[in-house]
Amino acid sequence: MKAALLIIGGVTLSGVTFGAWYWLNALACGMNTTGCSNFHLNWKDWETLRFFLPPFLLGLGLIGAGLWVWLRP
C-alpha cells in the first residue's frame, strides 16, 4: 500500500509539474504579438525551469522510492 501511494504521488506530482510547464510555454507562445506559427518546448530557458525542475525531480524520486519499496525482497 505504501509503495502504491508513493508511486501514485510521484506520477501525479511529475505530471502536474510537466503539464504546468507545458501550459506556461503555450501561454508564452500565444502571448507573442508577432504570432506563433510553431509551438515548441523551450528547454534552454533556465529562468523558468529552475522553478519546475525541483518538483519534477521530487516526483521522480517518489516514483523511485515507491519502486524500491515494492521490489525490495
N, C-alpha and C. Protein backbone atom coordinates (compact mmCIF):
# COMPACT_ATOMS: atom_id res chain seq x y z
N MET A 1 0.83 -1.20 0.00
CA MET A 1 0.00 0.00 0.00
C MET A 1 0.87 1.26 0.00
N LYS A 2 1.95 1.25 0.81
CA LYS A 2 2.83 2.40 0.87
C LYS A 2 3.51 2.64 -0.47
N ALA A 3 3.92 1.55 -1.12
CA ALA A 3 4.59 1.67 -2.42
C ALA A 3 3.64 2.28 -3.45
N ALA A 4 2.40 1.85 -3.44
CA ALA A 4 1.43 2.37 -4.40
C ALA A 4 1.18 3.86 -4.18
N LEU A 5 1.10 4.28 -2.93
CA LEU A 5 0.90 5.70 -2.64
C LEU A 5 2.10 6.53 -3.09
N LEU A 6 3.30 6.02 -2.87
CA LEU A 6 4.49 6.73 -3.31
C LEU A 6 4.53 6.86 -4.83
N ILE A 7 4.23 5.78 -5.53
CA ILE A 7 4.25 5.80 -6.99
C ILE A 7 3.16 6.72 -7.53
N ILE A 8 1.96 6.62 -7.01
CA ILE A 8 0.85 7.46 -7.49
C ILE A 8 1.13 8.93 -7.18
N GLY A 9 1.66 9.21 -5.99
CA GLY A 9 2.01 10.59 -5.65
C GLY A 9 3.10 11.14 -6.55
N GLY A 10 4.10 10.33 -6.85
CA GLY A 10 5.18 10.76 -7.72
C GLY A 10 4.73 11.00 -9.15
N VAL A 11 3.90 10.12 -9.66
CA VAL A 11 3.37 10.29 -11.02
C VAL A 11 2.50 11.54 -11.09
N THR A 12 1.69 11.75 -10.06
CA THR A 12 0.82 12.93 -10.03
C THR A 12 1.65 14.21 -9.98
N LEU A 13 2.64 14.26 -9.08
CA LEU A 13 3.47 15.46 -8.94
C LEU A 13 4.25 15.74 -10.22
N SER A 14 4.86 14.73 -10.80
CA SER A 14 5.62 14.92 -12.03
C SER A 14 4.69 15.32 -13.19
N GLY A 15 3.54 14.69 -13.28
CA GLY A 15 2.60 15.02 -14.35
C GLY A 15 2.05 16.43 -14.26
N VAL A 16 1.69 16.84 -13.06
CA VAL A 16 1.16 18.20 -12.87
C VAL A 16 2.25 19.22 -13.15
N THR A 17 3.47 18.96 -12.71
CA THR A 17 4.58 19.88 -12.96
C THR A 17 4.87 20.01 -14.45
N PHE A 18 4.94 18.87 -15.15
CA PHE A 18 5.19 18.92 -16.59
C PHE A 18 4.04 19.61 -17.31
N GLY A 19 2.81 19.34 -16.89
CA GLY A 19 1.65 19.98 -17.50
C GLY A 19 1.66 21.49 -17.30
N ALA A 20 2.04 21.95 -16.12
CA ALA A 20 2.11 23.38 -15.85
C ALA A 20 3.20 24.04 -16.68
N TRP A 21 4.32 23.37 -16.83
CA TRP A 21 5.41 23.92 -17.64
C TRP A 21 5.00 23.97 -19.12
N TYR A 22 4.32 22.94 -19.60
CA TYR A 22 3.82 22.92 -20.98
C TYR A 22 2.82 24.05 -21.19
N TRP A 23 1.92 24.23 -20.24
CA TRP A 23 0.91 25.28 -20.33
C TRP A 23 1.58 26.66 -20.35
N LEU A 24 2.62 26.85 -19.53
CA LEU A 24 3.31 28.13 -19.50
C LEU A 24 4.00 28.42 -20.83
N ASN A 25 4.60 27.41 -21.44
CA ASN A 25 5.21 27.59 -22.76
C ASN A 25 4.16 27.91 -23.82
N ALA A 26 3.02 27.24 -23.75
CA ALA A 26 1.95 27.52 -24.71
C ALA A 26 1.38 28.92 -24.52
N LEU A 27 1.26 29.34 -23.27
CA LEU A 27 0.77 30.69 -22.98
C LEU A 27 1.75 31.73 -23.51
N ALA A 28 3.04 31.50 -23.33
CA ALA A 28 4.04 32.44 -23.83
C ALA A 28 3.99 32.51 -25.35
N CYS A 29 3.76 31.40 -25.99
CA CYS A 29 3.65 31.38 -27.45
C CYS A 29 2.40 32.15 -27.89
N GLY A 30 1.31 31.98 -27.18
CA GLY A 30 0.08 32.67 -27.52
C GLY A 30 0.12 34.16 -27.25
N MET A 31 0.94 34.58 -26.30
CA MET A 31 1.05 36.00 -25.95
C MET A 31 2.02 36.74 -26.87
N ASN A 32 2.70 36.02 -27.74
CA ASN A 32 3.63 36.64 -28.67
C ASN A 32 2.87 37.51 -29.64
N THR A 33 3.24 38.78 -29.73
CA THR A 33 2.49 39.72 -30.57
C THR A 33 2.76 39.52 -32.05
N THR A 34 3.85 38.86 -32.41
CA THR A 34 4.15 38.64 -33.82
C THR A 34 3.53 37.36 -34.35
N GLY A 35 2.84 36.65 -33.50
CA GLY A 35 2.21 35.40 -33.91
C GLY A 35 3.08 34.21 -33.55
N CYS A 36 2.46 33.08 -33.50
CA CYS A 36 3.17 31.86 -33.11
C CYS A 36 2.84 30.79 -34.15
N SER A 37 3.76 30.58 -35.07
CA SER A 37 3.49 29.63 -36.14
C SER A 37 3.74 28.19 -35.71
N ASN A 38 4.74 27.97 -34.88
CA ASN A 38 5.01 26.61 -34.41
C ASN A 38 5.38 26.66 -32.92
N PHE A 39 4.73 25.84 -32.15
CA PHE A 39 4.93 25.80 -30.71
C PHE A 39 5.95 24.73 -30.38
N HIS A 40 6.90 25.06 -29.52
CA HIS A 40 7.89 24.09 -29.07
C HIS A 40 8.22 24.36 -27.60
N LEU A 41 8.65 23.33 -26.91
CA LEU A 41 9.04 23.48 -25.52
C LEU A 41 10.44 24.08 -25.44
N ASN A 42 10.58 25.10 -24.65
CA ASN A 42 11.84 25.81 -24.54
C ASN A 42 12.70 25.17 -23.45
N TRP A 43 13.55 24.24 -23.85
CA TRP A 43 14.38 23.50 -22.89
C TRP A 43 15.57 24.32 -22.41
N LYS A 44 15.90 25.40 -23.09
CA LYS A 44 17.07 26.19 -22.72
C LYS A 44 16.73 27.36 -21.81
N ASP A 45 15.48 27.52 -21.45
CA ASP A 45 15.05 28.64 -20.62
C ASP A 45 15.16 28.25 -19.14
N TRP A 46 16.35 28.42 -18.57
CA TRP A 46 16.57 28.04 -17.17
C TRP A 46 15.91 29.01 -16.20
N GLU A 47 15.45 30.15 -16.70
CA GLU A 47 14.77 31.10 -15.83
C GLU A 47 13.45 30.51 -15.30
N THR A 48 12.77 29.74 -16.11
CA THR A 48 11.54 29.09 -15.64
C THR A 48 11.79 27.65 -15.20
N LEU A 49 12.73 26.97 -15.85
CA LEU A 49 12.99 25.58 -15.48
C LEU A 49 13.50 25.44 -14.05
N ARG A 50 14.14 26.47 -13.51
CA ARG A 50 14.64 26.38 -12.14
C ARG A 50 13.50 26.27 -11.13
N PHE A 51 12.29 26.68 -11.52
CA PHE A 51 11.13 26.53 -10.65
C PHE A 51 10.41 25.20 -10.87
N PHE A 52 10.44 24.71 -12.10
CA PHE A 52 9.70 23.49 -12.43
C PHE A 52 10.53 22.22 -12.27
N LEU A 53 11.84 22.31 -12.34
CA LEU A 53 12.67 21.13 -12.25
C LEU A 53 12.68 20.48 -10.86
N PRO A 54 12.78 21.23 -9.75
CA PRO A 54 12.80 20.57 -8.43
C PRO A 54 11.56 19.73 -8.12
N PRO A 55 10.32 20.23 -8.34
CA PRO A 55 9.19 19.34 -8.05
C PRO A 55 9.09 18.16 -9.02
N PHE A 56 9.54 18.35 -10.26
CA PHE A 56 9.55 17.24 -11.20
C PHE A 56 10.51 16.16 -10.74
N LEU A 57 11.71 16.56 -10.31
CA LEU A 57 12.69 15.59 -9.81
C LEU A 57 12.23 14.95 -8.51
N LEU A 58 11.53 15.71 -7.67
CA LEU A 58 10.98 15.14 -6.44
C LEU A 58 9.95 14.07 -6.77
N GLY A 59 9.12 14.32 -7.77
CA GLY A 59 8.15 13.31 -8.21
C GLY A 59 8.84 12.06 -8.73
N LEU A 60 9.92 12.23 -9.49
CA LEU A 60 10.67 11.07 -9.97
C LEU A 60 11.30 10.32 -8.79
N GLY A 61 11.75 11.06 -7.79
CA GLY A 61 12.29 10.43 -6.59
C GLY A 61 11.24 9.63 -5.84
N LEU A 62 10.03 10.14 -5.77
CA LEU A 62 8.94 9.41 -5.13
C LEU A 62 8.61 8.13 -5.89
N ILE A 63 8.64 8.21 -7.21
CA ILE A 63 8.41 7.01 -8.02
C ILE A 63 9.51 5.99 -7.75
N GLY A 64 10.76 6.46 -7.72
CA GLY A 64 11.87 5.56 -7.44
C GLY A 64 11.78 4.94 -6.06
N ALA A 65 11.38 5.73 -5.06
CA ALA A 65 11.22 5.19 -3.70
C ALA A 65 10.10 4.17 -3.64
N GLY A 66 9.01 4.45 -4.35
CA GLY A 66 7.90 3.50 -4.38
C GLY A 66 8.30 2.19 -5.04
N LEU A 67 9.05 2.29 -6.13
CA LEU A 67 9.53 1.06 -6.78
C LEU A 67 10.51 0.31 -5.90
N TRP A 68 11.34 1.03 -5.16
CA TRP A 68 12.28 0.41 -4.24
C TRP A 68 11.54 -0.37 -3.14
N VAL A 69 10.52 0.25 -2.57
CA VAL A 69 9.74 -0.41 -1.51
C VAL A 69 9.00 -1.62 -2.09
N TRP A 70 8.48 -1.49 -3.28
CA TRP A 70 7.71 -2.55 -3.92
C TRP A 70 8.57 -3.75 -4.30
N LEU A 71 9.75 -3.48 -4.85
CA LEU A 71 10.60 -4.56 -5.36
C LEU A 71 11.62 -5.09 -4.35
N ARG A 72 11.70 -4.46 -3.21
CA ARG A 72 12.67 -4.89 -2.18
C ARG A 72 12.26 -6.26 -1.63
N PRO A 73 13.23 -7.18 -1.52
CA PRO A 73 12.88 -8.53 -1.04
C PRO A 73 12.52 -8.58 0.44
